[in-house]
Amino acid sequence: MLSRTADHLFWMSRYTERAEKPHAMGLSIQHRVRAQHVRGSQPCSIKEAAC
């Protein structure tokens, strides 16, 4: 039973880690778009801000 619990905790942490990565990338892109907007050079799209 202990090994099953450890296995579940391992996979739960892996799924949590995978779920956080796209969120962090989205926040990074959003920050770049806002920073460019403040400077007055807003990109045409969010895809351009990711470059």
N, C-alpha and C. Protein backbone atom coordinates (compact mmCIF):
# COMPACT_ATOMS: atom_id res chain seq x y z
N MET A 1 0.82 -1.19 0.00
CA MET A 1 0.00 0.00 0.00
C MET A 1 0.87 1.26 0.00
N LEU A 2 1.98 1.25 0.70
CA LEU A 2 2.87 2.40 0.73
C LEU A 2 3.44 2.70 -0.65
N SER A 3 3.82 1.67 -1.40
CA SER A 3 4.38 1.89 -2.73
C SER A 3 3.33 2.47 -3.67
N ARG A 4 2.08 2.07 -3.51
CA ARG A 4 1.02 2.60 -4.35
C ARG A 4 0.80 4.09 -4.05
N THR A 5 0.85 4.45 -2.78
CA THR A 5 0.72 5.85 -2.39
C THR A 5 1.88 6.68 -2.95
N ALA A 6 3.08 6.14 -2.85
CA ALA A 6 4.25 6.83 -3.39
C ALA A 6 4.13 7.00 -4.90
N ASP A 7 3.63 5.99 -5.57
CA ASP A 7 3.44 6.06 -7.02
C ASP A 7 2.43 7.15 -7.38
N HIS A 8 1.33 7.20 -6.65
CA HIS A 8 0.32 8.22 -6.90
C HIS A 8 0.87 9.63 -6.65
N LEU A 9 1.64 9.79 -5.60
CA LEU A 9 2.24 11.10 -5.31
C LEU A 9 3.23 11.51 -6.40
N PHE A 10 4.00 10.56 -6.88
CA PHE A 10 4.96 10.84 -7.95
C PHE A 10 4.24 11.35 -9.19
N TRP A 11 3.21 10.62 -9.63
CA TRP A 11 2.52 11.02 -10.85
C TRP A 11 1.73 12.30 -10.66
N MET A 12 1.18 12.53 -9.48
CA MET A 12 0.48 13.77 -9.22
C MET A 12 1.44 14.96 -9.34
N SER A 13 2.66 14.80 -8.81
CA SER A 13 3.63 15.89 -8.91
C SER A 13 4.07 16.11 -10.35
N ARG A 14 4.19 15.04 -11.13
CA ARG A 14 4.56 15.18 -12.54
C ARG A 14 3.49 15.92 -13.32
N TYR A 15 2.23 15.56 -13.09
CA TYR A 15 1.14 16.23 -13.79
C TYR A 15 1.04 17.70 -13.38
N THR A 16 1.28 17.98 -12.11
CA THR A 16 1.26 19.36 -11.64
C THR A 16 2.37 20.16 -12.30
N GLU A 17 3.55 19.58 -12.40
CA GLU A 17 4.69 20.25 -13.04
C GLU A 17 4.38 20.54 -14.50
N ARG A 18 3.80 19.57 -15.18
CA ARG A 18 3.46 19.76 -16.60
C ARG A 18 2.40 20.82 -16.77
N ALA A 19 1.48 20.92 -15.85
CA ALA A 19 0.41 21.91 -15.95
C ALA A 19 0.93 23.32 -15.68
N GLU A 20 1.98 23.46 -14.88
CA GLU A 20 2.51 24.78 -14.54
C GLU A 20 3.33 25.38 -15.67
N LYS A 21 3.99 24.56 -16.48
CA LYS A 21 4.86 25.08 -17.53
C LYS A 21 4.12 25.94 -18.55
N PRO A 22 3.01 25.49 -19.14
CA PRO A 22 2.31 26.36 -20.09
C PRO A 22 1.79 27.63 -19.44
N HIS A 23 1.38 27.54 -18.19
CA HIS A 23 0.89 28.72 -17.47
C HIS A 23 2.01 29.75 -17.31
N ALA A 24 3.20 29.28 -16.95
CA ALA A 24 4.34 30.18 -16.78
C ALA A 24 4.72 30.82 -18.12
N MET A 25 4.65 30.04 -19.21
CA MET A 25 4.99 30.58 -20.52
C MET A 25 3.96 31.63 -20.93
N GLY A 26 2.69 31.37 -20.63
CA GLY A 26 1.65 32.34 -20.95
C GLY A 26 1.85 33.64 -20.20
N LEU A 27 2.25 33.55 -18.94
CA LEU A 27 2.51 34.76 -18.16
C LEU A 27 3.69 35.53 -18.72
N SER A 28 4.70 34.82 -19.21
CA SER A 28 5.87 35.46 -19.78
C SER A 28 5.49 36.23 -21.05
N ILE A 29 4.70 35.62 -21.90
CA ILE A 29 4.26 36.27 -23.14
C ILE A 29 3.39 37.48 -22.80
N GLN A 30 2.50 37.30 -21.85
CA GLN A 30 1.63 38.40 -21.45
C GLN A 30 2.45 39.57 -20.91
N HIS A 31 3.48 39.29 -20.15
CA HIS A 31 4.35 40.33 -19.61
C HIS A 31 5.06 41.08 -20.74
N ARG A 32 5.55 40.35 -21.73
CA ARG A 32 6.22 41.00 -22.86
C ARG A 32 5.28 41.91 -23.63
N VAL A 33 4.05 41.43 -23.85
CA VAL A 33 3.07 42.25 -24.58
C VAL A 33 2.78 43.52 -23.83
N ARG A 34 2.59 43.41 -22.52
CA ARG A 34 2.31 44.60 -21.71
C ARG A 34 3.49 45.55 -21.69
N ALA A 35 4.70 45.03 -21.60
CA ALA A 35 5.90 45.87 -21.57
C ALA A 35 6.05 46.62 -22.89
N GLN A 36 5.80 45.96 -24.00
CA GLN A 36 5.91 46.62 -25.29
C GLN A 36 4.82 47.67 -25.46
N HIS A 37 3.64 47.39 -24.91
CA HIS A 37 2.55 48.35 -25.00
C HIS A 37 2.89 49.63 -24.22
N VAL A 38 3.51 49.46 -23.06
CA VAL A 38 3.89 50.61 -22.23
C VAL A 38 4.94 51.45 -22.95
N ARG A 39 5.87 50.78 -23.65
CA ARG A 39 6.91 51.51 -24.37
C ARG A 39 6.39 52.14 -25.65
N GLY A 40 5.17 51.76 -26.07
CA GLY A 40 4.60 52.37 -27.26
C GLY A 40 4.83 51.60 -28.53
N SER A 41 5.38 50.42 -28.47
CA SER A 41 5.60 49.62 -29.67
C SER A 41 4.85 48.30 -29.55
N GLN A 42 3.54 48.39 -29.51
CA GLN A 42 2.72 47.21 -29.33
C GLN A 42 2.80 46.33 -30.57
N PRO A 43 3.04 45.01 -30.40
CA PRO A 43 3.14 44.12 -31.56
C PRO A 43 1.77 43.92 -32.20
N CYS A 44 1.78 43.43 -33.43
CA CYS A 44 0.53 43.17 -34.14
C CYS A 44 -0.22 41.99 -33.53
N SER A 45 0.52 41.04 -33.00
CA SER A 45 -0.12 39.86 -32.39
C SER A 45 0.72 39.35 -31.25
N ILE A 46 0.13 38.46 -30.48
CA ILE A 46 0.85 37.87 -29.35
C ILE A 46 1.96 36.96 -29.86
N LYS A 47 1.77 36.35 -31.05
CA LYS A 47 2.81 35.47 -31.61
C LYS A 47 4.10 36.24 -31.84
N GLU A 48 4.01 37.49 -32.25
CA GLU A 48 5.21 38.29 -32.47
C GLU A 48 5.93 38.58 -31.17
N ALA A 49 5.20 38.68 -30.07
CA ALA A 49 5.81 38.96 -28.78
C ALA A 49 6.58 37.76 -28.27
N ALA A 50 6.24 36.57 -28.73
CA ALA A 50 6.91 35.36 -28.27
C ALA A 50 8.28 35.21 -28.91
N CYS A 51 8.56 35.93 -29.97
CA CYS A 51 9.85 35.80 -30.67
C CYS A 51 10.98 36.42 -29.90
